[in-house]
C-alpha atoms as a PDB file:
ATOM      1  CA  UNK A   1      -6.208  39.291   2.462  1.00  0.00           C
ATOM      2  CA  UNK A   2      -4.113  37.844   5.268  1.00  0.00           C
ATOM      3  CA  UNK A   3      -7.267  37.113   7.281  1.00  0.00           C
ATOM      4  CA  UNK A   4      -8.780  35.170   4.378  1.00  0.00           C
ATOM      5  CA  UNK A   5      -5.590  33.155   3.934  1.00  0.00           C
ATOM      6  CA  UNK A   6      -5.445  32.319   7.637  1.00  0.00           C
ATOM      7  CA  UNK A   7      -9.082  31.242   7.570  1.00  0.00           C
ATOM      8  CA  UNK A   8      -8.562  29.059   4.489  1.00  0.00           C
ATOM      9  CA  UNK A   9      -5.446  27.304   5.771  1.00  0.00           C
ATOM     10  CA  UNK A  10      -6.834  26.806   9.284  1.00  0.00           C
ATOM     11  CA  UNK A  11      -9.684  24.687   7.846  1.00  0.00           C
ATOM     12  CA  UNK A  12      -7.721  22.876   5.151  1.00  0.00           C
ATOM     13  CA  UNK A  13      -6.809  19.204   5.566  1.00  0.00           C
ATOM     14  CA  UNK A  14      -3.111  18.704   4.871  1.00  0.00           C
ATOM     15  CA  UNK A  15      -2.327  16.611   1.806  1.00  0.00           C
ATOM     16  CA  UNK A  16       0.733  15.409  -0.083  1.00  0.00           C
ATOM     17  CA  UNK A  17       1.939  17.518  -3.001  1.00  0.00           C
ATOM     18  CA  UNK A  18       1.484  15.986  -6.427  1.00  0.00           C
ATOM     19  CA  UNK A  19      -0.697  13.096  -5.238  1.00  0.00           C
ATOM     20  CA  UNK A  20      -2.825  11.818  -8.114  1.00  0.00           C
ATOM     21  CA  UNK A  21      -4.777   9.395  -5.975  1.00  0.00           C
ATOM     22  CA  UNK A  22      -4.989   8.302  -2.360  1.00  0.00           C
ATOM     23  CA  UNK A  23      -5.405   4.682  -1.314  1.00  0.00           C
ATOM     24  CA  UNK A  24      -5.612   2.834   1.987  1.00  0.00           C
ATOM     25  CA  UNK A  25      -4.679  -0.735   2.831  1.00  0.00           C
ATOM     26  CA  UNK A  26      -5.322  -3.022   5.761  1.00  0.00           C
ATOM     27  CA  UNK A  27      -2.466  -5.274   6.866  1.00  0.00           C
ATOM     28  CA  UNK A  28      -4.528  -7.993   8.585  1.00  0.00           C
ATOM     29  CA  UNK A  29      -2.976  -9.774  11.537  1.00  0.00           C
ATOM     30  CA  UNK A  30      -4.752 -13.021  12.466  1.00  0.00           C
ATOM     31  CA  UNK A  31      -4.385 -16.073  14.680  1.00  0.00           C
ATOM     32  CA  UNK A  32      -4.359 -19.084  12.348  1.00  0.00           C
ATOM     33  CA  UNK A  33      -3.586 -22.665  13.304  1.00  0.00           C
ATOM     34  CA  UNK A  34      -1.947 -21.527  16.529  1.00  0.00           C
ATOM     35  CA  UNK A  35       0.296 -18.935  14.872  1.00  0.00           C
ATOM     36  CA  UNK A  36       0.209 -15.182  14.446  1.00  0.00           C
ATOM     37  CA  UNK A  37      -0.038 -14.620  10.695  1.00  0.00           C
ATOM     38  CA  UNK A  38      -0.545 -11.976   8.053  1.00  0.00           C
ATOM     39  CA  UNK A  39      -3.484 -12.500   5.722  1.00  0.00           C
ATOM     40  CA  UNK A  40      -2.878 -11.938   2.009  1.00  0.00           C
ATOM     41  CA  UNK A  41      -5.087 -11.968  -1.068  1.00  0.00           C
ATOM     42  CA  UNK A  42      -4.362 -12.967  -4.640  1.00  0.00           C
ATOM     43  CA  UNK A  43      -6.140 -10.639  -7.059  1.00  0.00           C
ATOM     44  CA  UNK A  44      -8.670 -12.157  -9.438  1.00  0.00           C
ATOM     45  CA  UNK A  45      -7.349 -12.838 -12.944  1.00  0.00           C
ATOM     46  CA  UNK A  46     -10.324 -10.908 -14.348  1.00  0.00           C
ATOM     47  CA  UNK A  47      -9.121  -7.573 -12.904  1.00  0.00           C
ATOM     48  CA  UNK A  48      -7.800  -6.232 -16.207  1.00  0.00           C
ATOM     49  CA  UNK A  49      -5.557  -3.204 -15.620  1.00  0.00           C
ATOM     50  CA  UNK A  50      -5.601  -3.728 -11.855  1.00  0.00           C
ATOM     51  CA  UNK A  51      -2.621  -6.063 -11.396  1.00  0.00           C
ATOM     52  CA  UNK A  52      -4.490  -9.376 -11.938  1.00  0.00           C
ATOM     53  CA  UNK A  53      -2.977 -12.400 -10.225  1.00  0.00           C
ATOM     54  CA  UNK A  54      -0.744 -10.386  -7.894  1.00  0.00           C
ATOM     55  CA  UNK A  55      -0.550 -10.898  -4.151  1.00  0.00           C
ATOM     56  CA  UNK A  56      -1.787  -7.941  -2.111  1.00  0.00           C
ATOM     57  CA  UNK A  57      -3.506  -6.782   1.065  1.00  0.00           C
ATOM     58  CA  UNK A  58      -7.145  -5.659   1.020  1.00  0.00           C
ATOM     59  CA  UNK A  59      -7.469  -1.998   0.119  1.00  0.00           C
ATOM     60  CA  UNK A  60      -8.461   0.530  -2.489  1.00  0.00           C
ATOM     61  CA  UNK A  61      -9.023   4.124  -3.472  1.00  0.00           C
ATOM     62  CA  UNK A  62     -10.076   6.656  -0.875  1.00  0.00           C
ATOM     63  CA  UNK A  63     -13.490   8.162  -1.531  1.00  0.00           C
ATOM     64  CA  UNK A  64     -14.294  11.856  -1.054  1.00  0.00           C
ATOM     65  CA  UNK A  65     -14.785  12.757   2.599  1.00  0.00           C
ATOM     66  CA  UNK A  66     -13.529   9.363   3.787  1.00  0.00           C
ATOM     67  CA  UNK A  67     -10.728   8.947   6.315  1.00  0.00           C
ATOM     68  CA  UNK A  68      -7.963   6.605   5.123  1.00  0.00           C
ATOM     69  CA  UNK A  69      -8.610   4.133   7.957  1.00  0.00           C
ATOM     70  CA  UNK A  70     -12.285   3.956   6.950  1.00  0.00           C
ATOM     71  CA  UNK A  71     -11.243   3.243   3.365  1.00  0.00           C
ATOM     72  CA  UNK A  72      -9.093   0.325   4.530  1.00  0.00           C
ATOM     73  CA  UNK A  73     -11.951  -1.106   6.610  1.00  0.00           C
ATOM     74  CA  UNK A  74     -14.554  -0.627   3.856  1.00  0.00           C
ATOM     75  CA  UNK A  75     -12.360  -2.259   1.235  1.00  0.00           C
ATOM     76  CA  UNK A  76     -11.632  -5.195   3.558  1.00  0.00           C
ATOM     77  CA  UNK A  77     -15.366  -5.761   3.986  1.00  0.00           C
ATOM     78  CA  UNK A  78     -15.989  -5.503   0.238  1.00  0.00           C
ATOM     79  CA  UNK A  79     -13.103  -7.779  -0.756  1.00  0.00           C
ATOM     80  CA  UNK A  80     -13.003 -10.498   1.900  1.00  0.00           C
ATOM     81  CA  UNK A  81     -16.155 -10.050   3.977  1.00  0.00           C
ATOM     82  CA  UNK A  82     -14.580  -9.129   7.327  1.00  0.00           C
ATOM     83  CA  UNK A  83     -16.676  -6.414   9.026  1.00  0.00           C
ATOM     84  CA  UNK A  84     -15.090  -3.347  10.606  1.00  0.00           C
ATOM     85  CA  UNK A  85     -16.267  -4.345  14.093  1.00  0.00           C
ATOM     86  CA  UNK A  86     -14.139  -7.507  13.860  1.00  0.00           C
ATOM     87  CA  UNK A  87     -10.937  -5.497  13.319  1.00  0.00           C
ATOM     88  CA  UNK A  88      -8.893  -3.653  15.931  1.00  0.00           C
ATOM     89  CA  UNK A  89      -6.626  -1.066  14.314  1.00  0.00           C
ATOM     90  CA  UNK A  90      -3.295  -1.438  16.106  1.00  0.00           C
ATOM     91  CA  UNK A  91      -1.365   1.304  14.312  1.00  0.00           C
ATOM     92  CA  UNK A  92      -0.983   3.283  11.112  1.00  0.00           C
ATOM     93  CA  UNK A  93       2.148   2.202   9.239  1.00  0.00           C
ATOM     94  CA  UNK A  94       4.475   4.425   7.225  1.00  0.00           C
ATOM     95  CA  UNK A  95       2.822   6.180   4.290  1.00  0.00           C
ATOM     96  CA  UNK A  96       4.106   5.398   0.786  1.00  0.00           C
ATOM     97  CA  UNK A  97       4.223   7.735  -2.215  1.00  0.00           C
ATOM     98  CA  UNK A  98       5.169   5.719  -5.287  1.00  0.00           C
ATOM     99  CA  UNK A  99       6.775   6.842  -8.550  1.00  0.00           C
ATOM    100  CA  UNK A 100       3.363   7.359 -10.148  1.00  0.00           C
ATOM    101  CA  UNK A 101       2.465   9.746  -7.298  1.00  0.00           C
ATOM    102  CA  UNK A 102      -0.117   7.483  -5.702  1.00  0.00           C
ATOM    103  CA  UNK A 103      -0.224   7.836  -1.917  1.00  0.00           C
ATOM    104  CA  UNK A 104      -0.889   4.687   0.105  1.00  0.00           C
ATOM    105  CA  UNK A 105      -1.901   4.643   3.773  1.00  0.00           C
ATOM    106  CA  UNK A 106      -1.355   1.181   5.357  1.00  0.00           C
ATOM    107  CA  UNK A 107      -2.925   0.216   8.689  1.00  0.00           C
ATOM    108  CA  UNK A 108      -2.013  -2.762  10.853  1.00  0.00           C
ATOM    109  CA  UNK A 109      -5.212  -4.379  12.101  1.00  0.00           C
ATOM    110  CA  UNK A 110      -5.869  -7.342  14.373  1.00  0.00           C
ATOM    111  CA  UNK A 111      -8.732  -9.514  13.094  1.00  0.00           C
ATOM    112  CA  UNK A 112     -10.797 -11.310  15.733  1.00  0.00           C
ATOM    113  CA  UNK A 113     -11.515 -15.067  15.482  1.00  0.00           C
ATOM    114  CA  UNK A 114     -15.110 -14.157  14.602  1.00  0.00           C
ATOM    115  CA  UNK A 115     -13.769 -11.958  11.809  1.00  0.00           C
ATOM    116  CA  UNK A 116     -11.677 -14.807  10.405  1.00  0.00           C
ATOM    117  CA  UNK A 117     -14.809 -16.991  10.503  1.00  0.00           C
ATOM    118  CA  UNK A 118     -16.551 -14.344   8.348  1.00  0.00           C
ATOM    119  CA  UNK A 119     -13.950 -14.659   5.590  1.00  0.00           C
ATOM    120  CA  UNK A 120     -15.751 -14.671   2.242  1.00  0.00           C
ATOM    121  CA  UNK A 121     -13.647 -13.537  -0.702  1.00  0.00           C
ATOM    122  CA  UNK A 122     -15.403 -11.598  -3.449  1.00  0.00           C
ATOM    123  CA  UNK A 123     -15.038 -13.676  -6.612  1.00  0.00           C
ATOM    124  CA  UNK A 124     -15.025 -10.496  -8.700  1.00  0.00           C
ATOM    125  CA  UNK A 125     -11.921  -9.160  -6.953  1.00  0.00           C
ATOM    126  CA  UNK A 126     -10.145 -11.979  -5.129  1.00  0.00           C
ATOM    127  CA  UNK A 127      -8.875 -15.316  -6.447  1.00  0.00           C
ATOM    128  CA  UNK A 128      -7.926 -16.673  -3.025  1.00  0.00           C
ATOM    129  CA  UNK A 129      -6.596 -15.763   0.415  1.00  0.00           C
ATOM    130  CA  UNK A 130      -3.724 -17.306   2.352  1.00  0.00           C
ATOM    131  CA  UNK A 131      -1.894 -16.876   5.653  1.00  0.00           C
ATOM    132  CA  UNK A 132       1.825 -16.424   6.236  1.00  0.00           C
ATOM    133  CA  UNK A 133       3.217 -16.870   9.775  1.00  0.00           C
ATOM    134  CA  UNK A 134       4.793 -13.692  11.081  1.00  0.00           C
ATOM    135  CA  UNK A 135       7.777 -15.703  12.384  1.00  0.00           C
ATOM    136  CA  UNK A 136       8.439 -16.911   8.830  1.00  0.00           C
ATOM    137  CA  UNK A 137       8.572 -13.315   7.549  1.00  0.00           C
ATOM    138  CA  UNK A 138      10.754 -12.197  10.456  1.00  0.00           C
ATOM    139  CA  UNK A 139      13.273 -14.956   9.691  1.00  0.00           C
ATOM    140  CA  UNK A 140      13.138 -14.610   5.901  1.00  0.00           C
ATOM    141  CA  UNK A 141      16.593 -13.873   4.405  1.00  0.00           C
ATOM    142  CA  UNK A 142      16.885 -10.396   2.896  1.00  0.00           C
ATOM    143  CA  UNK A 143      15.957 -10.552  -0.795  1.00  0.00           C
ATOM    144  CA  UNK A 144      15.745  -7.050  -2.244  1.00  0.00           C
ATOM    145  CA  UNK A 145      16.322  -5.925  -5.814  1.00  0.00           C
ATOM    146  CA  UNK A 146      16.839  -2.330  -6.848  1.00  0.00           C
ATOM    147  CA  UNK A 147      16.160  -0.455 -10.045  1.00  0.00           C
ATOM    148  CA  UNK A 148      17.033   3.086 -11.094  1.00  0.00           C
ATOM    149  CA  UNK A 149      14.460   5.777 -11.765  1.00  0.00           C
ATOM    150  CA  UNK A 150      15.885   8.537 -13.960  1.00  0.00           C
ATOM    151  CA  UNK A 151      14.560  11.738 -15.534  1.00  0.00           C
ATOM    152  CA  UNK A 152      13.616  11.505 -19.221  1.00  0.00           C
ATOM    153  CA  UNK A 153      13.794  15.150 -20.346  1.00  0.00           C
ATOM    154  CA  UNK A 154      13.034  15.992 -24.002  1.00  0.00           C
ATOM    155  CA  UNK A 155      14.316  18.899 -26.129  1.00  0.00           C
ATOM    156  CA  UNK A 156      11.367  21.137 -25.281  1.00  0.00           C
ATOM    157  CA  UNK A 157      12.695  21.797 -21.761  1.00  0.00           C
ATOM    158  CA  UNK A 158      13.794  25.500 -21.586  1.00  0.00           C
ATOM    159  CA  UNK A 159      17.344  25.042 -20.315  1.00  0.00           C
ATOM    160  CA  UNK A 160      18.585  28.334 -21.832  1.00  0.00           C
ATOM    161  CA  UNK A 161      15.733  30.329 -20.332  1.00  0.00           C
ATOM    162  CA  UNK A 162      16.588  29.224 -16.811  1.00  0.00           C
ATOM    163  CA  UNK A 163      20.333  29.514 -17.376  1.00  0.00           C
ATOM    164  CA  UNK A 164      21.375  25.853 -17.233  1.00  0.00           C
ATOM    165  CA  UNK A 165      23.030  23.609 -19.852  1.00  0.00           C
ATOM    166  CA  UNK A 166      21.391  20.597 -21.453  1.00  0.00           C
ATOM    167  CA  UNK A 167      23.945  18.521 -19.582  1.00  0.00           C
ATOM    168  CA  UNK A 168      22.265  19.452 -16.283  1.00  0.00           C
ATOM    169  CA  UNK A 169      22.775  16.491 -13.878  1.00  0.00           C
ATOM    170  CA  UNK A 170      19.186  15.522 -13.073  1.00  0.00           C
ATOM    171  CA  UNK A 171      18.996  13.578  -9.857  1.00  0.00           C
ATOM    172  CA  UNK A 172      18.326   9.838 -10.103  1.00  0.00           C
ATOM    173  CA  UNK A 173      16.128   7.893  -7.773  1.00  0.00           C
ATOM    174  CA  UNK A 174      16.013   4.256  -6.743  1.00  0.00           C
ATOM    175  CA  UNK A 175      13.212   1.831  -5.988  1.00  0.00           C
ATOM    176  CA  UNK A 176      13.667  -1.243  -3.832  1.00  0.00           C
ATOM    177  CA  UNK A 177      11.702  -4.374  -4.761  1.00  0.00           C
ATOM    178  CA  UNK A 178      11.653  -6.903  -1.902  1.00  0.00           C
ATOM    179  CA  UNK A 179      10.477 -10.450  -2.629  1.00  0.00           C
ATOM    180  CA  UNK A 180       9.113 -13.063  -0.225  1.00  0.00           C
ATOM    181  CA  UNK A 181       8.194 -16.601  -1.299  1.00  0.00           C
ATOM    182  CA  UNK A 182       5.823 -18.765   0.718  1.00  0.00           C
ATOM    183  CA  UNK A 183       4.407 -22.113  -0.429  1.00  0.00           C
ATOM    184  CA  UNK A 184       4.342 -21.093  -4.083  1.00  0.00           C
ATOM    185  CA  UNK A 185       3.060 -17.577  -3.413  1.00  0.00           C
ATOM    186  CA  UNK A 186       5.268 -14.638  -4.370  1.00  0.00           C
ATOM    187  CA  UNK A 187       4.873 -11.439  -2.353  1.00  0.00           C
ATOM    188  CA  UNK A 188       6.620  -8.528  -4.052  1.00  0.00           C
ATOM    189  CA  UNK A 189       6.306  -4.887  -5.063  1.00  0.00           C
ATOM    190  CA  UNK A 190       4.276  -2.495  -2.928  1.00  0.00           C
ATOM    191  CA  UNK A 191       2.890  -5.279  -0.744  1.00  0.00           C
ATOM    192  CA  UNK A 192       6.369  -6.598   0.016  1.00  0.00           C
ATOM    193  CA  UNK A 193       7.583  -3.081   0.798  1.00  0.00           C
ATOM    194  CA  UNK A 194       4.853  -2.797   3.422  1.00  0.00           C
ATOM    195  CA  UNK A 195       5.805  -6.222   4.849  1.00  0.00           C
ATOM    196  CA  UNK A 196       9.474  -5.251   4.919  1.00  0.00           C
ATOM    197  CA  UNK A 197       8.688  -2.004   6.738  1.00  0.00           C
ATOM    198  CA  UNK A 198       6.509  -3.776   9.289  1.00  0.00           C
ATOM    199  CA  UNK A 199       9.173  -6.449   9.897  1.00  0.00           C
ATOM    200  CA  UNK A 200      11.838  -3.757  10.355  1.00  0.00           C
ATOM    201  CA  UNK A 201       9.848  -2.355  13.302  1.00  0.00           C
ATOM    202  CA  UNK A 202       9.352  -5.772  14.888  1.00  0.00           C
END
């Protein structure tokens, strides 16, 4: 009935169509050696299947009933030992839905000096942490590479049934891959996209 539909949708939390998993990330802002910096991790080499050795921000998969911001704070505590009370969330950043239909919620958070003092990377997940001055990222020359994402449609697709030819012009997509280099560290992929978005607002 209409009443039942209204009741259902009035209590339903809005989601993103097609999302196969939701993740949240903290973008930690810290004062380090007199400069405002972003804190990055390098993933442990033992994380088979989870992008070992890549540079990232702390974060992970959202658990049932958990708000994205709470996921970001929990994962930060689990990965690098900074407690939630040492982090001031300054703003949510733009949400990302990648080509594998993962949805990522980034949050910009200011870490207190006491929080930085608590830094203790989990050996099981994190190889090391490092800091990159925000001024360095703001001044970094644009280095963005682009690749094409195209539809791969096999012969089982029912073109005739829906009245379209097999030459139907499926729309192509594009993915930007920014790259930042800092003291031998390479920041790229999803993490660099988040950095690029943040820098664009600053």
